[in-house]
Amino acid sequence: MPENSVRRRKRAPAMSVEDRREAIVAATVPLLLTQGANVTTSQIAQAAGIAEGTVFRAFKDKRELIATCVRSVLAVDGELTVLAEARQVAQLADRLSWAISAVSGYLDRMWKLMGVLRESGYDPDHEHGERKGPPVEMQLISERVADLFKPDAHRLRVAPELAARLLLGLVFTNRMHGEGFGDTTADTDQLVELYLHGVLREER
């Protein structure tokens, strides 16, 4: 058979170490959300579609992998992008709806992971060192939310930075439902209405 008629199978380009790490993290996070730190490297490898040894070639050990996953979940890149896009929305109430939805999703994601990890015996604060002051992620979110108020700064009773902190406080408290806090929460539209106009009905 002539050599030029032989079709050689093309191999896919080898995945870089960083790409491999990101793929393993993407496969591990859903497992952490259900099993916490009890997830095994065998389960992680199966979810990622790789050999178990590949996990240890990408990460020193399971603790390093979990720490990387925690940082991935805590990252606010997606939320910051949403908040930047919200600046283009004309009405303040609509901009705040975008902000509340983004921040609520972030808090739910963060609290769920931290809760499951602690229940499984993994203490994120101990592993990463106790944080002093507000987490940098929430500082970034607060700054971006403050930007949403600036087009309407002339209408505000307080500075945009304080307005942002007060809004975040309301969102934070609204997510704290369940045992000890009650089971009711306000939806996004209700929160915007309560924040901008208070809890009293208009008198007729």
C-alpha atoms as a PDB file:
ATOM      1  CA  MET A   1       0.000   0.000   0.000  1.00  0.00           C
ATOM      2  CA  PRO A   2       1.459   3.353  -0.996  1.00  0.00           C
ATOM      3  CA  GLU A   3       2.623   5.397   1.969  1.00  0.00           C
ATOM      4  CA  ASN A   4       0.603   8.443   0.949  1.00  0.00           C
ATOM      5  CA  SER A   5      -2.580   6.358   1.075  1.00  0.00           C
ATOM      6  CA  VAL A   6      -2.110   5.453   4.716  1.00  0.00           C
ATOM      7  CA  ARG A   7      -4.213   7.679   6.896  1.00  0.00           C
ATOM      8  CA  ARG A   8      -2.682   8.302  10.241  1.00  0.00           C
ATOM      9  CA  ARG A   9      -4.969   9.052  13.139  1.00  0.00           C
ATOM     10  CA  LYS A  10      -4.375  12.571  14.374  1.00  0.00           C
ATOM     11  CA  ARG A  11      -3.797  12.813  18.070  1.00  0.00           C
ATOM     12  CA  ALA A  12      -5.516  15.552  20.012  1.00  0.00           C
ATOM     13  CA  PRO A  13      -3.049  18.082  21.362  1.00  0.00           C
ATOM     14  CA  ALA A  14      -1.909  17.275  24.886  1.00  0.00           C
ATOM     15  CA  MET A  15      -3.739  19.212  27.587  1.00  0.00           C
ATOM     16  CA  SER A  16      -1.573  21.687  29.460  1.00  0.00           C
ATOM     17  CA  VAL A  17      -1.094  21.253  33.206  1.00  0.00           C
ATOM     18  CA  GLU A  18      -3.186  24.338  33.900  1.00  0.00           C
ATOM     19  CA  ASP A  19      -6.003  23.165  31.623  1.00  0.00           C
ATOM     20  CA  ARG A  20      -5.881  19.742  33.265  1.00  0.00           C
ATOM     21  CA  ARG A  21      -6.117  21.315  36.719  1.00  0.00           C
ATOM     22  CA  GLU A  22      -9.094  23.420  35.655  1.00  0.00           C
ATOM     23  CA  ALA A  23     -10.856  20.360  34.219  1.00  0.00           C
ATOM     24  CA  ILE A  24     -10.321  18.404  37.431  1.00  0.00           C
ATOM     25  CA  VAL A  25     -11.594  21.308  39.530  1.00  0.00           C
ATOM     26  CA  ALA A  26     -14.694  21.598  37.318  1.00  0.00           C
ATOM     27  CA  ALA A  27     -15.407  17.897  37.863  1.00  0.00           C
ATOM     28  CA  THR A  28     -14.701  18.052  41.608  1.00  0.00           C
ATOM     29  CA  VAL A  29     -16.797  21.058  42.660  1.00  0.00           C
ATOM     30  CA  PRO A  30     -20.193  19.329  42.084  1.00  0.00           C
ATOM     31  CA  LEU A  31     -18.950  16.370  44.138  1.00  0.00           C
ATOM     32  CA  LEU A  32     -17.839  18.648  46.966  1.00  0.00           C
ATOM     33  CA  LEU A  33     -21.277  20.277  47.025  1.00  0.00           C
ATOM     34  CA  THR A  34     -22.880  16.901  47.785  1.00  0.00           C
ATOM     35  CA  GLN A  35     -20.194  14.942  49.644  1.00  0.00           C
ATOM     36  CA  GLY A  36     -17.898  17.564  51.093  1.00  0.00           C
ATOM     37  CA  ALA A  37     -14.334  16.561  51.873  1.00  0.00           C
ATOM     38  CA  ASN A  38     -15.382  12.890  52.038  1.00  0.00           C
ATOM     39  CA  VAL A  39     -15.262  12.629  48.250  1.00  0.00           C
ATOM     40  CA  THR A  40     -12.544  10.221  47.134  1.00  0.00           C
ATOM     41  CA  THR A  41      -9.923  10.770  44.462  1.00  0.00           C
ATOM     42  CA  SER A  42     -11.322   7.692  42.724  1.00  0.00           C
ATOM     43  CA  GLN A  43     -14.718   9.388  42.444  1.00  0.00           C
ATOM     44  CA  ILE A  44     -13.047  12.587  41.252  1.00  0.00           C
ATOM     45  CA  ALA A  45     -11.086  10.718  38.579  1.00  0.00           C
ATOM     46  CA  GLN A  46     -14.223   8.954  37.371  1.00  0.00           C
ATOM     47  CA  ALA A  47     -16.131  12.241  37.162  1.00  0.00           C
ATOM     48  CA  ALA A  48     -13.252  13.853  35.266  1.00  0.00           C
ATOM     49  CA  GLY A  49     -12.830  10.876  32.943  1.00  0.00           C
ATOM     50  CA  ILE A  50      -9.176  10.366  33.856  1.00  0.00           C
ATOM     51  CA  ALA A  51      -7.001   7.877  35.673  1.00  0.00           C
ATOM     52  CA  GLU A  52      -6.708   8.395  39.421  1.00  0.00           C
ATOM     53  CA  GLY A  53      -2.970   8.908  39.118  1.00  0.00           C
ATOM     54  CA  THR A  54      -3.581  11.917  36.880  1.00  0.00           C
ATOM     55  CA  VAL A  55      -5.197  13.694  39.835  1.00  0.00           C
ATOM     56  CA  PHE A  56      -1.959  13.436  41.772  1.00  0.00           C
ATOM     57  CA  ARG A  57       0.115  14.586  38.839  1.00  0.00           C
ATOM     58  CA  ALA A  58      -1.973  17.765  38.692  1.00  0.00           C
ATOM     59  CA  PHE A  59      -2.270  18.322  42.467  1.00  0.00           C
ATOM     60  CA  LYS A  60       0.046  17.485  45.348  1.00  0.00           C
ATOM     61  CA  ASP A  61      -2.770  15.830  47.302  1.00  0.00           C
ATOM     62  CA  LYS A  62      -6.515  15.952  47.840  1.00  0.00           C
ATOM     63  CA  ARG A  63      -6.258  18.858  50.291  1.00  0.00           C
ATOM     64  CA  GLU A  64      -4.585  21.021  47.655  1.00  0.00           C
ATOM     65  CA  LEU A  65      -7.322  20.067  45.192  1.00  0.00           C
ATOM     66  CA  ILE A  66     -10.070  20.965  47.679  1.00  0.00           C
ATOM     67  CA  ALA A  67      -8.367  24.280  48.483  1.00  0.00           C
ATOM     68  CA  THR A  68      -8.227  25.082  44.765  1.00  0.00           C
ATOM     69  CA  CYS A  69     -11.901  24.199  44.402  1.00  0.00           C
ATOM     70  CA  VAL A  70     -12.799  26.493  47.313  1.00  0.00           C
ATOM     71  CA  ARG A  71     -10.950  29.375  45.668  1.00  0.00           C
ATOM     72  CA  SER A  72     -12.790  28.613  42.430  1.00  0.00           C
ATOM     73  CA  VAL A  73     -16.201  28.727  44.122  1.00  0.00           C
ATOM     74  CA  LEU A  74     -15.327  31.914  46.015  1.00  0.00           C
ATOM     75  CA  ALA A  75     -14.185  33.669  42.849  1.00  0.00           C
ATOM     76  CA  VAL A  76     -16.524  36.482  41.802  1.00  0.00           C
ATOM     77  CA  ASP A  77     -15.437  37.020  38.201  1.00  0.00           C
ATOM     78  CA  GLY A  78     -18.866  36.069  36.876  1.00  0.00           C
ATOM     79  CA  GLU A  79     -20.686  38.300  39.351  1.00  0.00           C
ATOM     80  CA  LEU A  80     -18.425  41.260  38.569  1.00  0.00           C
ATOM     81  CA  THR A  81     -19.138  40.827  34.871  1.00  0.00           C
ATOM     82  CA  VAL A  82     -22.893  40.842  35.504  1.00  0.00           C
ATOM     83  CA  LEU A  83     -22.610  43.944  37.675  1.00  0.00           C
ATOM     84  CA  ALA A  84     -20.532  45.714  35.028  1.00  0.00           C
ATOM     85  CA  GLU A  85     -23.212  44.932  32.425  1.00  0.00           C
ATOM     86  CA  ALA A  86     -25.891  46.200  34.811  1.00  0.00           C
ATOM     87  CA  ARG A  87     -24.347  49.675  34.615  1.00  0.00           C
ATOM     88  CA  GLN A  88     -25.813  49.947  31.119  1.00  0.00           C
ATOM     89  CA  VAL A  89     -29.400  49.473  32.383  1.00  0.00           C
ATOM     90  CA  ALA A  90     -31.343  52.725  32.454  1.00  0.00           C
ATOM     91  CA  GLN A  91     -33.509  52.417  35.569  1.00  0.00           C
ATOM     92  CA  LEU A  92     -32.001  52.187  39.056  1.00  0.00           C
ATOM     93  CA  ALA A  93     -34.587  49.634  40.198  1.00  0.00           C
ATOM     94  CA  ASP A  94     -33.652  47.357  37.298  1.00  0.00           C
ATOM     95  CA  ARG A  95     -29.950  47.752  38.000  1.00  0.00           C
ATOM     96  CA  LEU A  96     -30.565  46.743  41.609  1.00  0.00           C
ATOM     97  CA  SER A  97     -32.493  43.677  40.451  1.00  0.00           C
ATOM     98  CA  TRP A  98     -29.424  42.565  38.526  1.00  0.00           C
ATOM     99  CA  ALA A  99     -27.268  43.171  41.602  1.00  0.00           C
ATOM    100  CA  ILE A 100     -29.552  41.308  43.992  1.00  0.00           C
ATOM    101  CA  SER A 101     -29.800  38.284  41.703  1.00  0.00           C
ATOM    102  CA  ALA A 102     -26.026  38.114  41.234  1.00  0.00           C
ATOM    103  CA  VAL A 103     -25.184  38.538  44.919  1.00  0.00           C
ATOM    104  CA  SER A 104     -27.902  36.121  46.084  1.00  0.00           C
ATOM    105  CA  GLY A 105     -26.562  33.436  43.770  1.00  0.00           C
ATOM    106  CA  TYR A 106     -23.033  34.006  45.013  1.00  0.00           C
ATOM    107  CA  LEU A 107     -24.030  33.800  48.688  1.00  0.00           C
ATOM    108  CA  ASP A 108     -26.036  30.620  48.131  1.00  0.00           C
ATOM    109  CA  ARG A 109     -23.137  28.988  46.284  1.00  0.00           C
ATOM    110  CA  MET A 110     -20.571  30.026  48.885  1.00  0.00           C
ATOM    111  CA  TRP A 111     -22.633  29.075  51.939  1.00  0.00           C
ATOM    112  CA  LYS A 112     -23.639  25.712  50.496  1.00  0.00           C
ATOM    113  CA  LEU A 113     -20.035  24.684  49.850  1.00  0.00           C
ATOM    114  CA  MET A 114     -18.752  25.949  53.205  1.00  0.00           C
ATOM    115  CA  GLY A 115     -21.580  24.215  55.052  1.00  0.00           C
ATOM    116  CA  VAL A 116     -21.018  20.845  53.365  1.00  0.00           C
ATOM    117  CA  LEU A 117     -17.251  21.042  53.873  1.00  0.00           C
ATOM    118  CA  ARG A 118     -17.584  21.827  57.574  1.00  0.00           C
ATOM    119  CA  GLU A 119     -20.085  18.989  58.039  1.00  0.00           C
ATOM    120  CA  SER A 120     -17.516  16.628  56.535  1.00  0.00           C
ATOM    121  CA  GLY A 121     -14.794  17.810  58.927  1.00  0.00           C
ATOM    122  CA  TYR A 122     -12.990  20.264  56.648  1.00  0.00           C
ATOM    123  CA  ASP A 123     -12.601  23.770  58.079  1.00  0.00           C
ATOM    124  CA  PRO A 124     -11.938  26.276  55.271  1.00  0.00           C
ATOM    125  CA  ASP A 125     -10.929  28.994  57.748  1.00  0.00           C
ATOM    126  CA  HIS A 126      -8.297  26.736  59.306  1.00  0.00           C
ATOM    127  CA  GLU A 127      -6.992  25.549  55.952  1.00  0.00           C
ATOM    128  CA  HIS A 128      -6.638  29.011  54.434  1.00  0.00           C
ATOM    129  CA  GLY A 129      -5.914  31.042  57.529  1.00  0.00           C
ATOM    130  CA  GLU A 130      -8.416  33.173  59.393  1.00  0.00           C
ATOM    131  CA  ARG A 131      -9.403  36.199  57.352  1.00  0.00           C
ATOM    132  CA  LYS A 132      -9.181  39.625  58.900  1.00  0.00           C
ATOM    133  CA  GLY A 133     -11.818  42.078  57.741  1.00  0.00           C
ATOM    134  CA  PRO A 134     -14.336  41.537  54.951  1.00  0.00           C
ATOM    135  CA  PRO A 135     -13.393  38.969  52.296  1.00  0.00           C
ATOM    136  CA  VAL A 136     -11.801  40.653  49.311  1.00  0.00           C
ATOM    137  CA  GLU A 137     -14.481  39.107  47.076  1.00  0.00           C
ATOM    138  CA  MET A 138     -17.253  40.935  48.931  1.00  0.00           C
ATOM    139  CA  GLN A 139     -15.252  44.161  48.837  1.00  0.00           C
ATOM    140  CA  LEU A 140     -15.043  43.879  45.058  1.00  0.00           C
ATOM    141  CA  ILE A 141     -18.765  43.192  44.815  1.00  0.00           C
ATOM    142  CA  SER A 142     -19.563  46.127  47.099  1.00  0.00           C
ATOM    143  CA  GLU A 143     -17.480  48.479  44.955  1.00  0.00           C
ATOM    144  CA  ARG A 144     -19.207  47.308  41.780  1.00  0.00           C
ATOM    145  CA  VAL A 145     -22.668  47.622  43.362  1.00  0.00           C
ATOM    146  CA  ALA A 146     -21.792  51.173  44.475  1.00  0.00           C
ATOM    147  CA  ASP A 147     -21.126  51.967  40.821  1.00  0.00           C
ATOM    148  CA  LEU A 148     -24.750  51.087  40.053  1.00  0.00           C
ATOM    149  CA  PHE A 149     -25.938  53.927  42.277  1.00  0.00           C
ATOM    150  CA  LYS A 150     -23.648  56.603  40.851  1.00  0.00           C
ATOM    151  CA  PRO A 151     -25.804  57.591  37.848  1.00  0.00           C
ATOM    152  CA  ASP A 152     -28.523  58.452  40.398  1.00  0.00           C
ATOM    153  CA  ALA A 153     -26.212  59.921  43.060  1.00  0.00           C
ATOM    154  CA  HIS A 154     -28.077  63.231  42.963  1.00  0.00           C
ATOM    155  CA  ARG A 155     -31.239  61.428  44.123  1.00  0.00           C
ATOM    156  CA  LEU A 156     -29.633  59.534  47.024  1.00  0.00           C
ATOM    157  CA  ARG A 157     -29.823  60.450  50.702  1.00  0.00           C
ATOM    158  CA  VAL A 158     -26.461  58.739  51.312  1.00  0.00           C
ATOM    159  CA  ALA A 159     -23.268  58.178  49.357  1.00  0.00           C
ATOM    160  CA  PRO A 160     -23.312  55.375  46.748  1.00  0.00           C
ATOM    161  CA  GLU A 161     -20.809  53.373  48.812  1.00  0.00           C
ATOM    162  CA  LEU A 162     -23.108  53.371  51.851  1.00  0.00           C
ATOM    163  CA  ALA A 163     -26.134  52.687  49.687  1.00  0.00           C
ATOM    164  CA  ALA A 164     -24.328  49.606  48.342  1.00  0.00           C
ATOM    165  CA  ARG A 165     -23.430  48.352  51.829  1.00  0.00           C
ATOM    166  CA  LEU A 166     -27.018  48.757  53.012  1.00  0.00           C
ATOM    167  CA  LEU A 167     -28.336  46.881  49.978  1.00  0.00           C
ATOM    168  CA  LEU A 168     -25.846  44.051  50.488  1.00  0.00           C
ATOM    169  CA  GLY A 169     -26.823  43.864  54.147  1.00  0.00           C
ATOM    170  CA  LEU A 170     -30.463  43.428  53.135  1.00  0.00           C
ATOM    171  CA  VAL A 171     -29.564  40.743  50.586  1.00  0.00           C
ATOM    172  CA  PHE A 172     -27.326  38.974  53.119  1.00  0.00           C
ATOM    173  CA  THR A 173     -30.058  38.897  55.771  1.00  0.00           C
ATOM    174  CA  ASN A 174     -32.670  37.758  53.268  1.00  0.00           C
ATOM    175  CA  ARG A 175     -30.602  34.648  52.458  1.00  0.00           C
ATOM    176  CA  MET A 176     -30.359  33.707  56.159  1.00  0.00           C
ATOM    177  CA  HIS A 177     -33.542  31.668  56.290  1.00  0.00           C
ATOM    178  CA  GLY A 178     -34.167  28.318  57.897  1.00  0.00           C
ATOM    179  CA  GLU A 179     -33.712  27.288  61.524  1.00  0.00           C
ATOM    180  CA  GLY A 180     -33.708  30.312  63.800  1.00  0.00           C
ATOM    181  CA  PHE A 181     -34.507  32.747  60.986  1.00  0.00           C
ATOM    182  CA  GLY A 182     -37.869  31.588  59.652  1.00  0.00           C
ATOM    183  CA  ASP A 183     -38.670  30.062  56.290  1.00  0.00           C
ATOM    184  CA  THR A 184     -39.879  33.090  54.341  1.00  0.00           C
ATOM    185  CA  THR A 185     -37.709  35.150  52.023  1.00  0.00           C
ATOM    186  CA  ALA A 186     -38.412  38.083  49.749  1.00  0.00           C
ATOM    187  CA  ASP A 187     -37.956  37.633  46.020  1.00  0.00           C
ATOM    188  CA  THR A 188     -35.837  40.020  43.986  1.00  0.00           C
ATOM    189  CA  ASP A 189     -38.669  42.382  43.042  1.00  0.00           C
ATOM    190  CA  GLN A 190     -39.850  42.548  46.655  1.00  0.00           C
ATOM    191  CA  LEU A 191     -36.350  43.341  47.888  1.00  0.00           C
ATOM    192  CA  VAL A 192     -35.976  46.176  45.402  1.00  0.00           C
ATOM    193  CA  GLU A 193     -39.351  47.588  46.429  1.00  0.00           C
ATOM    194  CA  LEU A 194     -38.597  47.299  50.146  1.00  0.00           C
ATOM    195  CA  TYR A 195     -35.136  48.776  49.747  1.00  0.00           C
ATOM    196  CA  LEU A 196     -36.230  51.777  47.694  1.00  0.00           C
ATOM    197  CA  HIS A 197     -39.598  52.482  49.328  1.00  0.00           C
ATOM    198  CA  GLY A 198     -39.619  50.825  52.773  1.00  0.00           C
ATOM    199  CA  VAL A 199     -41.947  48.331  54.396  1.00  0.00           C
ATOM    200  CA  LEU A 200     -44.955  50.620  54.924  1.00  0.00           C
ATOM    201  CA  ARG A 201     -47.849  50.541  52.524  1.00  0.00           C
ATOM    202  CA  GLU A 202     -48.761  53.810  50.891  1.00  0.00           C
ATOM    203  CA  GLU A 203     -51.570  55.534  52.737  1.00  0.00           C
ATOM    204  CA  ARG A 204     -54.615  56.182  50.627  1.00  0.00           C
END
